């Protein structure tokens, strides 16, 4: 998911298949000025399973990941 307003852009996504035991859920926030990226912040968290979710909802998308 990508959101933009003014000079801020937010990208929310799931990273998988990179060798970690669980997927990552990440949010990157960038500030653009005159077409140049001038600031960047991010938050990365391990994706929880349905059993670990306190709300009962997935962290990203409409379904929980399936881990073998």
N, C-alpha and C. Protein backbone atom coordinates (compact mmCIF):
# COMPACT_ATOMS: atom_id res chain seq x y z
N UNK A 1 0.85 -1.16 0.00
CA UNK A 1 0.00 0.00 0.00
C UNK A 1 0.90 1.23 0.00
N UNK A 2 0.56 2.20 -0.82
CA UNK A 2 1.33 3.44 -0.88
C UNK A 2 0.38 4.61 -0.70
N UNK A 3 0.72 5.51 0.21
CA UNK A 3 -0.05 6.72 0.45
C UNK A 3 0.86 7.92 0.28
N UNK A 4 0.32 8.98 -0.27
CA UNK A 4 1.12 10.20 -0.43
C UNK A 4 0.25 11.41 -0.18
N UNK A 5 0.84 12.38 0.51
CA UNK A 5 0.18 13.67 0.72
C UNK A 5 1.26 14.72 0.89
N UNK A 6 1.16 15.76 0.10
CA UNK A 6 2.16 16.82 0.17
C UNK A 6 3.53 16.26 -0.16
N UNK A 7 4.49 16.46 0.73
CA UNK A 7 5.85 15.99 0.48
C UNK A 7 6.16 14.66 1.15
N UNK A 8 5.14 13.99 1.74
CA UNK A 8 5.36 12.72 2.43
C UNK A 8 4.78 11.55 1.63
N UNK A 9 5.53 10.44 1.61
CA UNK A 9 5.09 9.20 0.99
C UNK A 9 5.27 8.09 2.00
N UNK A 10 4.23 7.24 2.16
CA UNK A 10 4.27 6.13 3.10
C UNK A 10 4.05 4.84 2.32
N UNK A 11 4.93 3.87 2.52
CA UNK A 11 4.81 2.57 1.88
C UNK A 11 4.68 1.52 2.98
N UNK A 12 3.59 0.73 2.94
CA UNK A 12 3.33 -0.32 3.93
C UNK A 12 3.34 -1.64 3.19
N UNK A 13 4.17 -2.59 3.65
CA UNK A 13 4.25 -3.84 2.92
C UNK A 13 4.71 -5.02 3.75
N UNK A 14 4.66 -6.19 3.10
CA UNK A 14 5.10 -7.45 3.69
C UNK A 14 6.33 -7.93 2.93
N UNK A 15 7.39 -8.25 3.67
CA UNK A 15 8.60 -8.79 3.07
C UNK A 15 8.65 -10.28 3.40
N UNK A 16 8.79 -11.11 2.37
CA UNK A 16 8.84 -12.55 2.58
C UNK A 16 9.84 -13.18 1.63
N UNK A 17 10.22 -14.42 1.92
CA UNK A 17 11.10 -15.17 1.04
C UNK A 17 12.54 -14.71 1.06
N UNK A 18 12.99 -14.10 2.15
CA UNK A 18 14.36 -13.60 2.22
C UNK A 18 15.20 -14.38 3.23
N UNK A 19 14.70 -15.54 3.67
CA UNK A 19 15.47 -16.41 4.54
C UNK A 19 15.19 -16.30 6.02
N UNK A 20 14.42 -15.31 6.44
CA UNK A 20 14.07 -15.18 7.86
C UNK A 20 12.99 -16.20 8.21
N UNK A 21 12.87 -16.61 9.47
CA UNK A 21 11.86 -17.60 9.83
C UNK A 21 10.42 -17.09 9.72
N UNK A 22 10.23 -15.78 9.77
CA UNK A 22 8.89 -15.19 9.60
C UNK A 22 8.98 -13.98 8.67
N UNK A 23 7.83 -13.62 8.10
CA UNK A 23 7.77 -12.42 7.26
C UNK A 23 7.96 -11.18 8.12
N UNK A 24 8.32 -10.09 7.46
CA UNK A 24 8.38 -8.79 8.11
C UNK A 24 7.25 -7.91 7.59
N UNK A 25 6.68 -7.12 8.47
CA UNK A 25 5.76 -6.06 8.08
C UNK A 25 6.53 -4.76 8.27
N UNK A 26 6.54 -3.94 7.23
CA UNK A 26 7.36 -2.73 7.29
C UNK A 26 6.57 -1.52 6.83
N UNK A 27 6.92 -0.38 7.40
CA UNK A 27 6.40 0.91 6.97
C UNK A 27 7.61 1.80 6.72
N UNK A 28 7.69 2.32 5.51
CA UNK A 28 8.73 3.29 5.18
C UNK A 28 8.06 4.63 4.95
N UNK A 29 8.60 5.66 5.55
CA UNK A 29 8.09 7.02 5.39
C UNK A 29 9.22 7.85 4.82
N UNK A 30 8.95 8.52 3.72
CA UNK A 30 9.98 9.36 3.11
C UNK A 30 9.42 10.75 2.87
N UNK A 31 10.32 11.72 2.91
CA UNK A 31 9.95 13.10 2.58
C UNK A 31 10.74 13.49 1.34
N UNK A 32 10.01 14.01 0.38
CA UNK A 32 10.58 14.40 -0.90
C UNK A 32 10.58 15.93 -1.00
N UNK A 33 11.68 16.51 -1.47
CA UNK A 33 11.75 17.95 -1.69
C UNK A 33 12.45 18.18 -3.02
N UNK A 34 11.77 18.89 -3.91
CA UNK A 34 12.32 19.16 -5.24
C UNK A 34 12.79 17.89 -5.95
N UNK A 35 11.94 16.84 -5.85
CA UNK A 35 12.20 15.53 -6.48
C UNK A 35 13.36 14.76 -5.86
N UNK A 36 13.82 15.16 -4.69
CA UNK A 36 14.93 14.49 -4.02
C UNK A 36 14.44 13.95 -2.68
N UNK A 37 14.79 12.70 -2.38
CA UNK A 37 14.47 12.12 -1.09
C UNK A 37 15.37 12.78 -0.04
N UNK A 38 14.77 13.50 0.89
CA UNK A 38 15.55 14.25 1.88
C UNK A 38 15.48 13.65 3.29
N UNK A 39 14.47 12.82 3.57
CA UNK A 39 14.37 12.17 4.87
C UNK A 39 13.74 10.80 4.70
N UNK A 40 14.13 9.86 5.58
CA UNK A 40 13.60 8.51 5.55
C UNK A 40 13.52 7.96 6.96
N UNK A 41 12.37 7.35 7.27
CA UNK A 41 12.18 6.65 8.53
C UNK A 41 11.57 5.30 8.20
N UNK A 42 11.82 4.29 9.02
CA UNK A 42 11.13 3.02 8.80
C UNK A 42 10.88 2.30 10.12
N UNK A 43 9.92 1.41 10.06
CA UNK A 43 9.57 0.54 11.18
C UNK A 43 9.44 -0.86 10.60
N UNK A 44 10.11 -1.84 11.21
CA UNK A 44 10.04 -3.22 10.75
C UNK A 44 9.68 -4.10 11.94
N UNK A 45 8.72 -5.00 11.74
CA UNK A 45 8.27 -5.88 12.82
C UNK A 45 8.00 -7.27 12.25
N UNK A 46 8.32 -8.32 13.02
CA UNK A 46 7.97 -9.67 12.61
C UNK A 46 6.46 -9.79 12.50
N UNK A 47 5.99 -10.46 11.45
CA UNK A 47 4.56 -10.66 11.29
C UNK A 47 4.08 -11.73 12.26
N UNK A 48 2.97 -11.47 12.93
CA UNK A 48 2.43 -12.43 13.90
C UNK A 48 1.49 -13.42 13.23
N UNK A 49 1.35 -14.57 13.85
CA UNK A 49 0.39 -15.58 13.39
C UNK A 49 -0.99 -15.24 13.95
N UNK A 50 -1.99 -15.98 13.51
CA UNK A 50 -3.35 -15.76 14.01
C UNK A 50 -3.40 -15.99 15.52
N UNK A 51 -2.66 -16.98 16.01
CA UNK A 51 -2.65 -17.28 17.44
C UNK A 51 -1.97 -16.18 18.24
N UNK A 52 -1.02 -15.49 17.66
CA UNK A 52 -0.30 -14.42 18.36
C UNK A 52 -1.01 -13.07 18.30
N UNK A 53 -1.93 -12.91 17.36
CA UNK A 53 -2.62 -11.63 17.15
C UNK A 53 -3.56 -11.33 18.31
N UNK A 54 -3.37 -10.22 18.97
CA UNK A 54 -4.24 -9.83 20.09
C UNK A 54 -5.62 -9.41 19.61
N UNK A 55 -5.70 -8.84 18.40
CA UNK A 55 -6.99 -8.38 17.86
C UNK A 55 -7.71 -9.46 17.07
N UNK A 56 -6.97 -10.51 16.68
CA UNK A 56 -7.56 -11.53 15.82
C UNK A 56 -7.48 -11.17 14.35
N UNK A 57 -6.88 -10.02 14.05
CA UNK A 57 -6.76 -9.55 12.67
C UNK A 57 -5.31 -9.67 12.20
N UNK A 58 -5.12 -9.89 10.88
CA UNK A 58 -3.75 -9.93 10.35
C UNK A 58 -3.12 -8.54 10.36
N UNK A 59 -1.79 -8.51 10.39
CA UNK A 59 -1.07 -7.23 10.38
C UNK A 59 -1.07 -6.59 9.00
N UNK A 60 -1.23 -7.41 7.95
CA UNK A 60 -1.17 -6.90 6.59
C UNK A 60 -2.10 -7.73 5.72
N UNK A 61 -2.89 -7.07 4.91
CA UNK A 61 -3.78 -7.79 4.00
C UNK A 61 -4.99 -8.37 4.69
N UNK A 62 -5.63 -9.33 4.00
CA UNK A 62 -6.88 -9.91 4.48
C UNK A 62 -6.72 -11.28 5.14
N UNK A 63 -5.51 -11.82 5.13
CA UNK A 63 -5.34 -13.17 5.68
C UNK A 63 -3.98 -13.29 6.37
N UNK A 64 -3.89 -14.25 7.25
CA UNK A 64 -2.65 -14.52 7.95
C UNK A 64 -1.72 -15.33 7.05
N UNK A 65 -0.41 -15.21 7.24
CA UNK A 65 0.53 -16.01 6.45
C UNK A 65 0.45 -17.48 6.87
N UNK A 66 0.82 -18.34 5.96
CA UNK A 66 0.87 -19.77 6.26
C UNK A 66 2.34 -20.16 6.32
N UNK A 67 2.77 -20.62 7.49
CA UNK A 67 4.16 -21.06 7.67
C UNK A 67 4.18 -22.57 7.75
N UNK A 68 5.13 -23.16 7.05
CA UNK A 68 5.25 -24.62 7.07
C UNK A 68 6.04 -25.10 8.25
